Amino acid sequence: MMIQVLVTIIALIAALGLVKRMKKGSIGLLAGISWTAVWILAIIVVWNPLVSNRLASWLGVGRGADAVLYSAVVILLYALLRLHARMESLEHALSELVKKIALDRAFQKDSKKDPGISIPDQQ
């Protein structure tokens, strides 16, 4: 009974946090709804373990706990893949930004040497 109450409290706190982040716009609607569904499913499974047993038999797994564990591993691996892809994209964008800033600064230094071009100092 204690684990059921604990999981329910954690899931409700997480779901409320997701709703707040969706309202702020820091998380997309689809991601927010998906993660809220995961937390609601966690509450359902913890209060009615037969749901996980049905899922296990549908997936061809022996026990409900195994089905939950396998599902969690798949979801976490997918999330890790998405995070890695986003990190690679951000690294590429940052690299391009640094290159652009470096070239702009180099151009500004070269332009200051030419008396015909006037560029105000930027600090």
C-alpha atoms as a PDB file:
ATOM      1  CA  MET A   1       0.000   0.000   0.000  1.00  0.00           C
ATOM      2  CA  MET A   2       2.881   2.366   0.776  1.00  0.00           C
ATOM      3  CA  ILE A   3       4.382   2.032  -2.717  1.00  0.00           C
ATOM      4  CA  GLN A   4       0.999   2.793  -4.263  1.00  0.00           C
ATOM      5  CA  VAL A   5       0.657   6.043  -2.318  1.00  0.00           C
ATOM      6  CA  LEU A   6       4.274   7.008  -3.013  1.00  0.00           C
ATOM      7  CA  VAL A   7       4.026   6.379  -6.770  1.00  0.00           C
ATOM      8  CA  THR A   8       0.718   8.251  -6.910  1.00  0.00           C
ATOM      9  CA  ILE A   9       2.171  11.307  -5.147  1.00  0.00           C
ATOM     10  CA  ILE A  10       5.270  11.333  -7.366  1.00  0.00           C
ATOM     11  CA  ALA A  11       3.164  10.863 -10.522  1.00  0.00           C
ATOM     12  CA  LEU A  12       0.775  13.667  -9.582  1.00  0.00           C
ATOM     13  CA  ILE A  13       3.643  16.044  -8.820  1.00  0.00           C
ATOM     14  CA  ALA A  14       5.282  15.155 -12.143  1.00  0.00           C
ATOM     15  CA  ALA A  15       2.011  15.596 -14.057  1.00  0.00           C
ATOM     16  CA  LEU A  16       1.390  18.993 -12.445  1.00  0.00           C
ATOM     17  CA  GLY A  17       4.934  20.037 -13.310  1.00  0.00           C
ATOM     18  CA  LEU A  18       4.329  18.999 -16.907  1.00  0.00           C
ATOM     19  CA  VAL A  19       1.127  21.050 -17.067  1.00  0.00           C
ATOM     20  CA  LYS A  20       2.974  24.117 -15.755  1.00  0.00           C
ATOM     21  CA  ARG A  21       5.775  23.642 -18.292  1.00  0.00           C
ATOM     22  CA  MET A  22       3.241  23.248 -21.116  1.00  0.00           C
ATOM     23  CA  LYS A  23       1.535  26.511 -20.082  1.00  0.00           C
ATOM     24  CA  LYS A  24       4.901  28.299 -20.067  1.00  0.00           C
ATOM     25  CA  GLY A  25       5.695  26.841 -23.471  1.00  0.00           C
ATOM     26  CA  SER A  26       8.928  25.199 -22.326  1.00  0.00           C
ATOM     27  CA  ILE A  27       7.627  21.783 -23.365  1.00  0.00           C
ATOM     28  CA  GLY A  28       5.636  20.942 -26.463  1.00  0.00           C
ATOM     29  CA  LEU A  29       2.011  19.903 -26.340  1.00  0.00           C
ATOM     30  CA  LEU A  30       2.648  16.417 -27.737  1.00  0.00           C
ATOM     31  CA  ALA A  31       5.524  15.731 -25.333  1.00  0.00           C
ATOM     32  CA  GLY A  32       3.516  17.050 -22.394  1.00  0.00           C
ATOM     33  CA  ILE A  33       0.512  14.922 -23.226  1.00  0.00           C
ATOM     34  CA  SER A  34       2.705  11.859 -23.806  1.00  0.00           C
ATOM     35  CA  TRP A  35       4.519  12.170 -20.477  1.00  0.00           C
ATOM     36  CA  THR A  36       1.282  12.928 -18.644  1.00  0.00           C
ATOM     37  CA  ALA A  37      -0.158   9.736 -20.133  1.00  0.00           C
ATOM     38  CA  VAL A  38       2.890   7.808 -18.896  1.00  0.00           C
ATOM     39  CA  TRP A  39       2.368   9.106 -15.351  1.00  0.00           C
ATOM     40  CA  ILE A  40      -1.361   8.353 -15.454  1.00  0.00           C
ATOM     41  CA  LEU A  41      -0.574   4.854 -16.713  1.00  0.00           C
ATOM     42  CA  ALA A  42       1.883   4.430 -13.828  1.00  0.00           C
ATOM     43  CA  ILE A  43      -0.874   5.320 -11.348  1.00  0.00           C
ATOM     44  CA  ILE A  44      -3.283   2.888 -13.002  1.00  0.00           C
ATOM     45  CA  VAL A  45      -0.748   0.044 -13.009  1.00  0.00           C
ATOM     46  CA  VAL A  46       0.309   0.575  -9.412  1.00  0.00           C
ATOM     47  CA  TRP A  47      -3.296   0.541  -8.155  1.00  0.00           C
ATOM     48  CA  ASN A  48      -4.462  -2.252 -10.500  1.00  0.00           C
ATOM     49  CA  PRO A  49      -1.578  -4.660 -11.202  1.00  0.00           C
ATOM     50  CA  LEU A  50      -3.829  -6.865 -13.342  1.00  0.00           C
ATOM     51  CA  VAL A  51      -3.480  -4.234 -16.084  1.00  0.00           C
ATOM     52  CA  SER A  52       0.231  -4.985 -16.340  1.00  0.00           C
ATOM     53  CA  ASN A  53      -0.504  -8.723 -16.380  1.00  0.00           C
ATOM     54  CA  ARG A  54      -2.898  -8.205 -19.301  1.00  0.00           C
ATOM     55  CA  LEU A  55      -0.260  -6.145 -21.078  1.00  0.00           C
ATOM     56  CA  ALA A  56       2.269  -8.909 -20.414  1.00  0.00           C
ATOM     57  CA  SER A  57       0.054 -11.606 -21.889  1.00  0.00           C
ATOM     58  CA  TRP A  58      -0.682  -9.393 -24.927  1.00  0.00           C
ATOM     59  CA  LEU A  59       3.070  -8.866 -25.439  1.00  0.00           C
ATOM     60  CA  GLY A  60       3.871 -12.522 -24.836  1.00  0.00           C
ATOM     61  CA  VAL A  61       5.804 -11.865 -21.615  1.00  0.00           C
ATOM     62  CA  GLY A  62       5.362 -14.016 -18.526  1.00  0.00           C
ATOM     63  CA  ARG A  63       4.801 -11.420 -15.796  1.00  0.00           C
ATOM     64  CA  GLY A  64       3.341  -7.931 -15.640  1.00  0.00           C
ATOM     65  CA  ALA A  65       6.412  -6.581 -13.866  1.00  0.00           C
ATOM     66  CA  ASP A  66       8.581  -7.801 -16.745  1.00  0.00           C
ATOM     67  CA  ALA A  67       6.318  -6.060 -19.273  1.00  0.00           C
ATOM     68  CA  VAL A  68       6.540  -2.823 -17.300  1.00  0.00           C
ATOM     69  CA  LEU A  69      10.316  -3.115 -17.068  1.00  0.00           C
ATOM     70  CA  TYR A  70      10.736  -3.850 -20.783  1.00  0.00           C
ATOM     71  CA  SER A  71       8.414  -0.991 -21.692  1.00  0.00           C
ATOM     72  CA  ALA A  72      10.330   1.388 -19.412  1.00  0.00           C
ATOM     73  CA  VAL A  73      13.648   0.370 -20.984  1.00  0.00           C
ATOM     74  CA  VAL A  74      12.281   0.956 -24.496  1.00  0.00           C
ATOM     75  CA  ILE A  75      10.826   4.362 -23.544  1.00  0.00           C
ATOM     76  CA  LEU A  76      14.053   5.422 -21.832  1.00  0.00           C
ATOM     77  CA  LEU A  77      16.197   4.301 -24.766  1.00  0.00           C
ATOM     78  CA  TYR A  78      13.964   6.248 -27.138  1.00  0.00           C
ATOM     79  CA  ALA A  79      14.229   9.335 -24.901  1.00  0.00           C
ATOM     80  CA  LEU A  80      18.011   8.914 -24.797  1.00  0.00           C
ATOM     81  CA  LEU A  81      18.145   8.710 -28.596  1.00  0.00           C
ATOM     82  CA  ARG A  82      16.096  11.906 -28.910  1.00  0.00           C
ATOM     83  CA  LEU A  83      18.259  13.711 -26.351  1.00  0.00           C
ATOM     84  CA  HIS A  84      21.403  12.647 -28.180  1.00  0.00           C
ATOM     85  CA  ALA A  85      20.014  13.868 -31.504  1.00  0.00           C
ATOM     86  CA  ARG A  86      19.016  17.199 -29.948  1.00  0.00           C
ATOM     87  CA  MET A  87      22.449  17.575 -28.339  1.00  0.00           C
ATOM     88  CA  GLU A  88      24.157  16.923 -31.680  1.00  0.00           C
ATOM     89  CA  SER A  89      21.926  19.518 -33.322  1.00  0.00           C
ATOM     90  CA  LEU A  90      22.683  22.085 -30.612  1.00  0.00           C
ATOM     91  CA  GLU A  91      26.420  21.407 -30.876  1.00  0.00           C
ATOM     92  CA  HIS A  92      26.250  21.980 -34.637  1.00  0.00           C
ATOM     93  CA  ALA A  93      24.258  25.201 -34.197  1.00  0.00           C
ATOM     94  CA  LEU A  94      26.680  26.438 -31.543  1.00  0.00           C
ATOM     95  CA  SER A  95      29.650  25.661 -33.774  1.00  0.00           C
ATOM     96  CA  GLU A  96      28.094  27.597 -36.654  1.00  0.00           C
ATOM     97  CA  LEU A  97      27.353  30.537 -34.353  1.00  0.00           C
ATOM     98  CA  VAL A  98      30.929  30.610 -33.045  1.00  0.00           C
ATOM     99  CA  LYS A  99      32.267  30.538 -36.616  1.00  0.00           C
ATOM    100  CA  LYS A 100      30.002  33.427 -37.604  1.00  0.00           C
ATOM    101  CA  ILE A 101      30.987  35.520 -34.592  1.00  0.00           C
ATOM    102  CA  ALA A 102      34.677  34.852 -35.221  1.00  0.00           C
ATOM    103  CA  LEU A 103      34.376  35.865 -38.871  1.00  0.00           C
ATOM    104  CA  ASP A 104      32.393  38.999 -37.964  1.00  0.00           C
ATOM    105  CA  ARG A 105      35.014  40.041 -35.429  1.00  0.00           C
ATOM    106  CA  ALA A 106      37.824  39.352 -37.883  1.00  0.00           C
ATOM    107  CA  PHE A 107      36.058  41.467 -40.501  1.00  0.00           C
ATOM    108  CA  GLN A 108      35.575  44.289 -37.996  1.00  0.00           C
ATOM    109  CA  LYS A 109      39.272  44.290 -37.089  1.00  0.00           C
ATOM    110  CA  ASP A 110      40.269  44.355 -40.768  1.00  0.00           C
ATOM    111  CA  SER A 111      37.767  47.141 -41.477  1.00  0.00           C
ATOM    112  CA  LYS A 112      39.192  49.337 -38.716  1.00  0.00           C
ATOM    113  CA  LYS A 113      42.559  49.280 -40.514  1.00  0.00           C
ATOM    114  CA  ASP A 114      40.960  50.733 -43.671  1.00  0.00           C
ATOM    115  CA  PRO A 115      40.351  54.470 -43.118  1.00  0.00           C
ATOM    116  CA  GLY A 116      37.594  54.536 -45.764  1.00  0.00           C
ATOM    117  CA  ILE A 117      35.218  52.372 -43.716  1.00  0.00           C
ATOM    118  CA  SER A 118      33.838  53.553 -40.399  1.00  0.00           C
ATOM    119  CA  ILE A 119      32.522  50.916 -37.995  1.00  0.00           C
ATOM    120  CA  PRO A 120      31.627  52.004 -34.453  1.00  0.00           C
ATOM    121  CA  ASP A 121      33.308  50.151 -31.612  1.00  0.00           C
ATOM    122  CA  GLN A 122      31.197  47.417 -30.074  1.00  0.00           C
ATOM    123  CA  GLN A 123      31.818  46.345 -26.543  1.00  0.00           C
END
